[in-house]
Every structure is written in C-alpha cells, then in structure tokens.
Protein backbone atom coordinates (compact mmCIF):
# COMPACT_ATOMS: atom_id res chain seq x y z
CA MET A 1 100.32 87.11 113.64
CA TRP A 2 97.17 85.79 112.19
CA TRP A 3 93.66 84.61 112.52
CA GLU A 4 92.99 81.11 112.22
CA PRO A 5 89.27 79.74 111.62
CA THR A 6 87.95 77.12 113.46
CA PRO A 7 87.39 73.77 111.25
CA ALA A 8 83.70 74.75 111.03
CA ALA A 9 84.17 78.09 110.08
CA ARG A 10 86.64 77.10 107.34
CA ALA A 11 84.12 74.62 106.28
CA ALA A 12 81.68 77.72 106.04
CA GLY A 13 84.25 79.59 103.58
CA PHE A 14 86.64 81.32 106.12
CA ALA A 15 90.46 81.42 105.50
CA ALA A 16 93.28 82.60 107.61
CA VAL A 17 93.88 86.18 107.53
CA ASP A 18 97.36 88.02 108.35
CA LEU A 19 97.42 90.33 110.97
CA ASP A 20 99.71 93.42 111.86
CA PRO A 21 101.97 92.69 115.07
CA ASP A 22 102.97 96.28 114.93
CA ARG A 23 99.20 97.66 115.16
CA LEU A 24 98.39 95.23 118.08
CA SER A 25 95.08 97.23 118.92
CA TRP A 26 93.81 97.15 115.12
CA SER A 27 94.77 93.20 115.40
CA VAL A 28 92.55 92.67 118.19
CA ARG A 29 89.69 94.66 116.42
CA GLU A 30 90.11 92.69 113.20
CA ALA A 31 90.05 89.23 115.01
CA GLU A 32 87.36 90.32 117.05
CA ARG A 33 85.58 91.29 113.51
CA LEU A 34 86.33 87.94 112.29
CA ASN A 35 85.18 85.69 115.14
CA ALA A 36 81.82 87.70 115.14
CA GLU A 37 81.37 86.96 110.95
CA ALA A 38 82.58 83.19 111.64
CA ALA A 39 80.24 82.74 114.32
CA GLN A 40 77.51 84.05 112.41
CA ALA A 41 78.42 81.82 109.59
CA THR A 42 79.15 78.50 111.61
CA GLY A 43 76.92 75.66 110.75
CA ALA A 44 75.91 76.55 107.52
CA ARG A 45 78.05 76.14 104.74
CA ARG A 46 78.55 79.15 102.16
CA ALA A 47 76.84 78.58 98.69
CA GLY A 48 78.03 79.66 95.39
CA THR A 49 81.61 78.73 95.77
CA GLY A 50 81.26 77.94 92.06
CA ARG A 51 83.53 78.05 89.04
CA ARG A 52 83.55 81.85 88.90
CA SER A 53 83.21 82.94 92.10
CA MET A 54 85.77 85.29 93.87
CA SER A 55 87.43 81.91 95.48
CA ALA A 56 87.92 80.64 92.04
CA LEU A 57 89.21 84.07 90.65
CA ILE A 58 91.67 84.18 93.43
CA ALA A 59 92.82 80.75 92.69
CA ASP A 60 93.21 81.07 89.40
CA TYR A 61 95.08 84.62 89.85
CA ARG A 62 97.73 82.87 92.22
CA THR A 63 98.66 80.75 89.49
CA HIS A 64 99.40 83.37 87.05
CA ARG A 65 102.42 84.77 86.28
CA SER A 66 101.43 88.25 87.35
CA TYR A 67 101.54 87.09 90.85
CA LEU A 68 104.09 84.39 90.55
CA SER A 69 106.63 86.89 88.99
CA LYS A 70 106.29 89.09 91.97
CA ALA A 71 109.03 89.39 94.71
CA ALA A 72 108.27 87.25 97.89
CA ALA A 73 107.57 90.01 100.01
CA THR A 74 105.22 91.29 97.63
CA ARG A 75 103.18 88.08 97.44
CA ARG A 76 103.22 87.89 101.08
CA SER A 77 101.52 91.28 101.15
CA TYR A 78 98.99 90.47 98.60
CA ASP A 79 98.33 87.12 100.47
CA GLY A 80 97.11 89.22 103.26
CA LEU A 81 94.61 91.28 101.21
CA LEU A 82 93.45 88.30 98.98
CA SER A 83 92.82 86.59 102.29
CA ILE A 84 90.58 89.24 103.56
CA ILE A 85 89.02 89.55 99.98
CA GLU A 86 88.17 85.72 99.96
CA THR A 87 86.85 85.77 103.43
CA LYS A 88 84.23 88.55 102.53
CA TRP A 89 83.52 87.75 99.16
CA GLY A 90 84.61 84.22 98.61
CA ALA A 91 81.35 83.23 97.37
CA ARG A 92 80.17 85.73 95.40
CA PRO A 93 80.00 85.28 91.55
CA VAL A 94 82.49 87.52 90.04
CA ALA A 95 80.20 88.91 87.26
CA GLN A 96 77.55 89.98 89.96
CA PHE A 97 80.08 92.82 91.66
CA THR A 98 78.43 96.10 90.49
CA LYS A 99 80.55 99.83 91.31
CA PRO A 100 77.95 100.70 94.09
CA ALA A 101 78.98 97.19 95.92
CA VAL A 102 82.75 97.83 95.85
CA ALA A 103 82.37 101.71 96.52
CA THR A 104 80.42 100.64 99.24
CA TRP A 105 82.61 98.09 100.72
CA TYR A 106 85.49 100.93 100.30
CA GLU A 107 83.48 102.89 102.51
CA THR A 108 83.30 100.49 105.52
CA ASN A 109 87.00 99.47 104.99
CA LEU A 110 87.95 103.29 105.54
CA ALA A 111 86.20 103.62 108.34
CA ALA A 112 87.20 100.24 109.79
CA ARG A 113 90.70 99.85 108.84
CA GLY A 114 91.80 103.45 107.93
CA LYS A 115 93.01 105.13 104.33
CA THR A 116 95.92 102.89 103.61
CA GLN A 117 94.28 99.46 104.28
CA ALA A 118 91.22 100.30 102.54
CA GLN A 119 93.14 101.61 99.49
CA ARG A 120 95.16 98.63 99.19
CA LEU A 121 92.06 96.35 99.66
CA ASN A 122 90.38 98.50 96.62
CA ALA A 123 93.66 97.93 94.46
CA MET A 124 93.74 94.48 94.77
CA MET A 125 90.21 94.11 93.92
CA SER A 126 90.95 96.06 91.15
CA ILE A 127 93.65 93.84 90.16
CA LEU A 128 91.62 90.70 90.47
CA PHE A 129 88.99 92.02 88.18
CA GLY A 130 91.37 93.07 85.69
CA HIS A 131 92.56 89.22 85.85
CA ALA A 132 88.61 88.42 85.70
CA GLU A 133 88.46 90.39 82.45
CA LEU A 134 91.36 88.55 80.97
CA LEU A 135 89.71 85.36 81.90
CA GLY A 136 86.35 86.37 80.13
CA TRP A 137 84.58 86.29 83.12
CA ARG A 138 83.77 89.87 83.24
CA ALA A 139 83.30 91.84 79.72
CA GLU A 140 86.33 94.15 78.93
CA ASN A 141 86.32 97.64 80.85
CA THR A 142 83.67 96.78 83.38
CA ASN A 143 86.05 96.59 86.38
CA PRO A 144 84.11 98.04 89.09
CA ALA A 145 87.01 98.92 91.29
CA HIS A 146 87.84 101.66 89.00
CA GLY A 147 87.30 105.45 89.67
CA ILE A 148 85.21 104.86 93.13
CA ARG A 149 87.11 107.92 94.34
CA THR A 150 89.55 106.46 97.08
CA GLU A 151 91.49 108.63 99.43
CA VAL A 152 95.26 108.31 98.98
CA PRO A 153 96.92 108.25 102.61
CA ALA A 154 99.84 110.62 103.12
CA PRO A 155 103.25 108.71 102.79
CA ARG A 156 104.65 108.03 106.13
CA GLY A 157 107.39 110.73 106.96
CA ARG A 158 108.80 109.19 110.60
CA VAL A 159 112.43 109.35 110.59
CA ALA A 160 114.39 108.52 113.59
CA SER A 161 116.71 110.82 115.84
CA TRP A 162 120.43 109.91 116.72
CA PRO A 163 119.36 109.41 120.53
CA GLU A 164 116.51 107.21 119.37
CA ILE A 165 118.68 105.12 117.25
CA ASP A 166 121.45 104.81 120.27
CA ALA A 167 118.54 103.95 122.24
CA LEU A 168 117.27 100.82 120.02
CA VAL A 169 120.62 99.45 119.60
CA ALA A 170 121.59 99.59 123.65
CA ALA A 171 118.14 98.03 124.09
CA ALA A 172 118.68 95.27 121.39
CA GLU A 173 122.33 95.04 123.23
CA GLU A 174 121.03 94.68 126.78
CA LEU A 175 118.22 91.85 125.47
CA GLY A 176 121.18 90.20 124.05
CA HIS A 177 120.08 90.57 120.41
CA HIS A 178 123.53 91.78 119.10
CA ALA A 179 122.36 90.57 115.48
CA LEU A 180 119.35 92.81 115.35
CA ALA A 181 121.61 95.79 117.04
CA LEU A 182 123.39 95.42 113.82
CA ALA A 183 120.77 95.18 111.66
CA ILE A 184 119.49 98.55 112.99
CA LEU A 185 122.47 100.00 112.11
CA LEU A 186 122.54 98.55 108.55
CA ALA A 187 119.19 99.80 108.16
CA VAL A 188 120.32 103.14 109.30
CA TYR A 189 123.45 103.53 107.52
CA GLN A 190 123.50 101.48 104.56
CA GLY A 191 119.52 102.52 103.41
CA GLN A 192 118.33 98.83 102.64
CA ARG A 193 114.96 96.94 103.49
CA GLN A 194 114.44 94.57 106.46
CA THR A 195 114.26 91.68 103.92
CA ASP A 196 117.55 92.46 102.35
CA ILE A 197 119.48 92.78 105.76
CA ARG A 198 117.40 89.72 107.24
CA THR A 199 118.37 87.49 104.12
CA ALA A 200 122.11 89.10 103.59
CA ARG A 201 124.72 86.38 103.36
CA ARG A 202 128.38 86.89 104.61
CA ALA A 203 129.60 86.06 100.87
CA ASP A 204 127.55 89.64 100.07
CA PHE A 205 130.40 91.33 102.07
CA ARG A 206 134.21 91.26 100.80
CA PRO A 207 137.03 93.81 100.51
CA VAL A 208 137.39 95.09 97.07
CA GLN A 209 140.04 97.38 95.47
CA ALA A 210 138.30 100.23 93.26
CA ASP A 211 139.72 103.49 91.94
CA ASN A 212 138.33 106.46 93.51
CA PRO A 213 137.42 108.87 90.69
CA ALA A 214 137.18 111.82 93.02
CA THR A 215 140.76 111.39 94.24
CA GLY A 216 142.34 109.11 91.75
CA GLN A 217 143.57 106.52 94.27
CA THR A 218 142.76 103.10 94.60
CA GLU A 219 141.22 102.10 98.08
CA THR A 220 140.61 99.13 99.69
CA LEU A 221 137.23 98.84 100.92
CA LEU A 222 134.54 96.53 102.53
CA VAL A 223 131.46 96.40 100.35
CA TRP A 224 128.01 95.20 100.15
CA SER A 225 126.60 93.61 96.86
CA LEU A 226 123.28 92.47 97.06
CA VAL A 227 119.91 91.89 94.38
CA ARG A 228 117.23 93.65 96.26
CA SER A 229 114.24 91.59 96.63
CA LYS A 230 111.39 93.98 96.21
CA ARG A 231 112.50 94.96 92.76
CA ALA A 232 115.20 92.65 91.93
CA THR A 233 117.90 95.81 91.23
CA GLU A 234 121.44 95.26 91.81
CA GLY A 235 123.53 97.29 94.18
CA ALA A 236 126.87 97.43 95.79
CA MET A 237 128.06 100.11 98.29
CA ALA A 238 130.93 100.54 100.92
CA ILE A 239 129.98 99.84 104.32
CA HIS A 240 130.15 103.15 106.23
CA PRO A 241 133.45 103.47 108.56
CA ASP A 242 131.20 103.86 111.59
CA ILE A 243 129.50 100.32 111.52
CA GLU A 244 132.68 98.61 109.66
CA PRO A 245 134.55 97.70 112.77
CA ARG A 246 131.36 95.95 114.11
CA LEU A 247 130.56 94.21 110.92
CA ARG A 248 134.04 92.89 110.42
CA ARG A 249 134.09 91.39 113.57
CA VAL A 250 130.64 89.48 112.90
CA LEU A 251 132.29 88.43 109.82
CA LEU A 252 135.43 87.15 111.48
CA ALA A 253 133.62 85.75 114.50
CA ASN A 254 131.47 83.41 112.36
CA THR A 255 133.44 80.35 111.16
CA ALA A 256 130.44 79.07 109.13
CA GLU A 257 130.81 78.74 105.23
CA ALA A 258 131.14 82.16 103.44
CA ASP A 259 127.53 81.65 101.99
CA SER A 260 125.71 81.33 105.33
CA PRO A 261 123.50 83.93 106.81
CA LEU A 262 124.86 86.81 107.83
CA LEU A 263 122.56 87.61 111.27
CA LEU A 264 122.00 84.80 113.39
CA ASP A 265 119.39 84.93 116.41
CA GLU A 266 121.46 84.08 119.83
CA ALA A 267 118.51 82.45 121.37
CA THR A 268 117.97 79.74 118.66
CA GLY A 269 121.12 79.68 116.56
CA GLN A 270 119.08 79.98 113.71
CA PRO A 271 118.43 82.54 110.88
CA TYR A 272 115.57 85.41 111.43
CA SER A 273 112.46 84.55 110.13
CA ILE A 274 109.96 87.52 109.52
CA TRP A 275 107.83 86.67 112.52
CA LEU A 276 110.95 86.47 114.82
CA PHE A 277 112.64 89.40 113.28
CA ASN A 278 109.77 91.48 114.31
CA LYS A 279 109.48 89.68 117.84
CA ARG A 280 113.13 90.72 118.61
CA PHE A 281 112.78 94.54 117.40
CA ILE A 282 109.17 95.11 119.22
CA ALA A 283 111.00 93.75 122.34
CA SER A 284 114.18 96.17 121.74
CA ARG A 285 111.56 99.03 120.94
CA ARG A 286 109.58 98.33 123.86
CA ARG A 287 112.83 98.41 126.22
CA ALA A 288 113.95 101.35 124.58
CA ALA A 289 111.05 103.40 125.20
CA GLN A 290 111.32 102.85 129.13
CA THR A 291 114.03 105.46 128.85
CA LEU A 292 113.09 107.16 125.49
CA PRO A 293 109.25 107.41 125.09
CA SER A 294 109.45 108.46 121.63
CA VAL A 295 111.00 105.03 120.55
CA ALA A 296 107.68 103.66 120.58
CA SER A 297 106.21 105.12 117.57
CA LEU A 298 109.27 103.68 115.58
CA GLN A 299 109.16 100.84 113.26
CA PHE A 300 111.92 98.99 111.49
CA ARG A 301 111.12 100.69 107.95
CA ASP A 302 111.44 103.92 109.23
CA LEU A 303 115.36 103.26 109.60
CA ARG A 304 115.40 103.12 105.98
CA ARG A 305 113.75 106.55 105.49
CA THR A 306 116.24 107.70 108.51
CA PHE A 307 119.26 107.08 106.13
CA GLY A 308 117.74 109.02 103.38
CA HIS A 309 116.97 112.12 105.78
CA LEU A 310 120.85 111.81 107.21
CA SER A 311 122.23 111.35 103.69
CA ARG A 312 120.75 114.39 102.04
CA MET A 313 121.25 116.17 105.28
CA GLY A 314 125.02 115.57 104.83
CA GLY A 315 125.09 116.68 101.15
CA ALA A 316 124.18 113.89 99.06
CA SER A 317 122.14 114.37 96.01
CA ARG A 318 119.10 112.78 95.33
CA ASP A 319 120.44 110.89 92.75
CA ASP A 320 122.98 109.51 94.94
CA THR A 321 120.83 108.83 97.42
CA GLY A 322 118.43 107.12 95.18
CA ASP A 323 121.14 104.66 94.01
CA VAL A 324 121.50 103.62 97.45
CA LEU A 325 118.01 103.08 98.13
CA GLY A 326 117.42 101.26 94.87
CA ASN A 327 114.23 102.96 93.97
CA SER A 328 113.23 105.57 91.82
CA ALA A 329 113.54 108.30 94.17
CA ALA A 330 115.93 110.37 91.79
CA ARG A 331 113.16 110.61 89.69
CA ASP A 332 109.91 110.49 90.96
CA PRO A 333 108.77 113.51 93.28
CA LYS A 334 106.40 111.70 95.58
CA LEU A 335 109.05 108.55 96.42
CA THR A 336 111.48 111.51 96.90
CA GLU A 337 109.43 113.22 99.65
CA THR A 338 108.69 110.13 101.28
CA TYR A 339 112.37 108.44 101.71
CA MET A 340 113.63 112.14 100.93
CA ALA A 341 113.75 109.66 99.46
CA PRO A 342 123.06 101.10 90.32
CA GLN A 343 126.19 103.02 90.83
CA PHE A 344 128.87 102.26 93.10
CA TRP A 345 130.74 105.28 93.87
CA THR A 346 127.01 107.38 93.77
CA ALA A 347 125.94 104.99 96.25
CA THR A 348 129.35 105.09 98.22
CA ARG A 349 128.64 108.91 98.38
CA ALA A 350 125.79 108.94 99.73
CA VAL A 351 126.15 106.27 102.54
CA LEU A 352 129.56 108.55 103.19
CA ALA A 353 127.39 111.46 103.68
CA VAL A 354 125.86 110.24 106.91
CA ARG A 355 127.24 111.52 109.88
CA ARG A 356 126.48 111.66 113.64
CA PRO A 357 126.56 115.36 114.85
CA THR A 358 129.83 116.65 116.66
CA LYS A 359 129.68 117.81 119.96
CA PRO A 360 130.95 121.39 120.41
CA GLU A 361 134.33 121.57 122.02
CA GLY A 362 134.27 123.19 125.48
CA ARG A 363 135.92 126.81 125.86
CA LYS A 364 139.36 126.23 127.73
CA LYS A 365 140.33 127.84 130.89
CA ALA A 366 142.79 130.55 130.84
C-alpha cells in the first residue's frame, strides 16, 4: 500500500510514500496529509534541489555499501522512511539543518505518527547526516539528529493464545488459503520471520539422520535449514511433530522441482509477494475475528513472538530459544523480553518445547 503523487506533484518534488496495510486509519490520515501538502505545492517546482540537497544525499546514500549491504527487507523498510524524509525535506540543503529544526520535526512526527515511526524517522535522519559527514557535506560531529531526547517506544509484547491460533488457521482454511494456514503454523511452531517463511524453498526441508546427544540414538528427522533474511545467520531445526504431517503432504503433493517455492497462493498459483501475503493474512484475520474478536489485534509478526513465549513456557532455556529465533535473545535482555525473546539440537529442543495444553481427563463413573 502506498501513496503515489500526481505528475504535477512529482514535478514539484514529491515521491511515492509507503503506507501500512495493517494500520488503515493511520494510512488514510497520512495519505490525506500528503494530498494536502501536494495540493499546496502543485504548480510551483520546489527550488534548491542542488548537489548537496537532502534529495542528493539520499540518492548518494542508496549507492553506498552501508545501504546496499543491508538485507532486502531492511532496505524496503529504509526506503519507506527515506521517501517520507525526501517528500518533506528533499529540496533543503544538508548544511542548513539545525538541531532545533530536526527536534521540531520529531515532535511533529511524535504527535502525528506515534513514538515508533517518529523514532525511526529520526534514526534514519541520523544515518543520513552521518553519511553527509563522510561526504564532507557537513562538518564532523555536527549531526543535528543526535541527542534530541527521543522517546523509546515500549516493545510490542502481543502473543497469540491457542484459541486465536486455531481460529486463524481455521479461517485461512475456510477461505481456501491453505498455504497461508501452513505459514501461520510454521511461524508458531518454528519461530521464523514472515520473509523466511514466505520465501522458503522445498529443498530447504529434507530428512536427516542425526545422533541425539540426549539419548545417544540415531534419529531420522524432517529438518528445515535456512539462511535468515534479516541477519544472514544460518539455522537448522527439526520440524515440530504437530505440523510435520501437514508439511509432508505439501512436499509430496507439489511435484515441481525441488528448489521451487514451498508456498504457492491457491488463487494465482504463484509464490506470495509481500503484498499478496499480507492481503491473505488480513482477510483470514478478519474472518477469524467474526467468531473470536480478540484476533483482530494480531499481526503476523506476533506469531514469532508467540513461539518464543510458548517455547519458554514449555521449559526451553533462553539460549535454546535464541538459537531458533536467530537473534541475540540469549544475550540481550531487552530483546529477550520482547521475543521472550546456530545449533541444531538446542534449536530443536526449543521447537519441541512448544506444546498444546492437554485437556484434563473427566472423572469416570463408578
């Protein structure tokens, strides 16, 4: 979802801005704000888009290794922030920014966009001004985005309950989104990010014989091996028994080449794009909320956090859970609190620690 400027607005210096399909009210307000700004500027080309303007700085930053080395998902996130910054400040010479001006814009964003987006925009501004110092466009140690006392948003702590998970999966199945249902279960039971689930290949899943150090026995396990998209960390873990039969059916039913995508959208027959995946998830969430209203507040990323919560509740250590998540959960206390939070058996222990609650047996009649 994005806002697209008219040809006249683009000529006046405006660029496309990414919106958020999970925050529709905010996206509408943001689009209306951009429409108002574009209408005010239409017909008068913005001045000052010279060699050392913010637009020129953004263009140069996008060619630098510090940007190009980022994961694709990170660059997409950066691009959304850069579009907002360029729309607002593109024509302004980089050397003219002052700390009061940046602090005032932060306060405006805090009121209009909330703590998280305001902080992200300020952090992106700080990265740009740091790049400007490297280019010699600003004097060293004159980053105006430093030290403006931003408010750190509390980490999101939403986790899904088993009834909510079941409602989501059932709704996806009812709508014919069987691949999405599997994606939801992979997030809950295997703890991986949406990008890594969405782009998983059939060849990433294979039976492996491994010696279990806890039992000394050789076991044959269905194993998922991957290189995580965000940090390029390698990971491998056994597939949880609760979802292994469903996953095997998908692997057997799909007769495509081994290196083809695991998940294909039923309606299009194509791999999921980010947009299509989110569209299917939102539709399934809306259907699930009809019978279980609390599902309406769930985001797909909450399912990864749910894995961490369930794994820890099942007795897994922080280190083991961190090996599945592939982040610094085992070492960073703040990240540990967020997700509850690469070693095969430690990761597998954490996966197998996820257990559904068992129903108590009823009393038998004498």
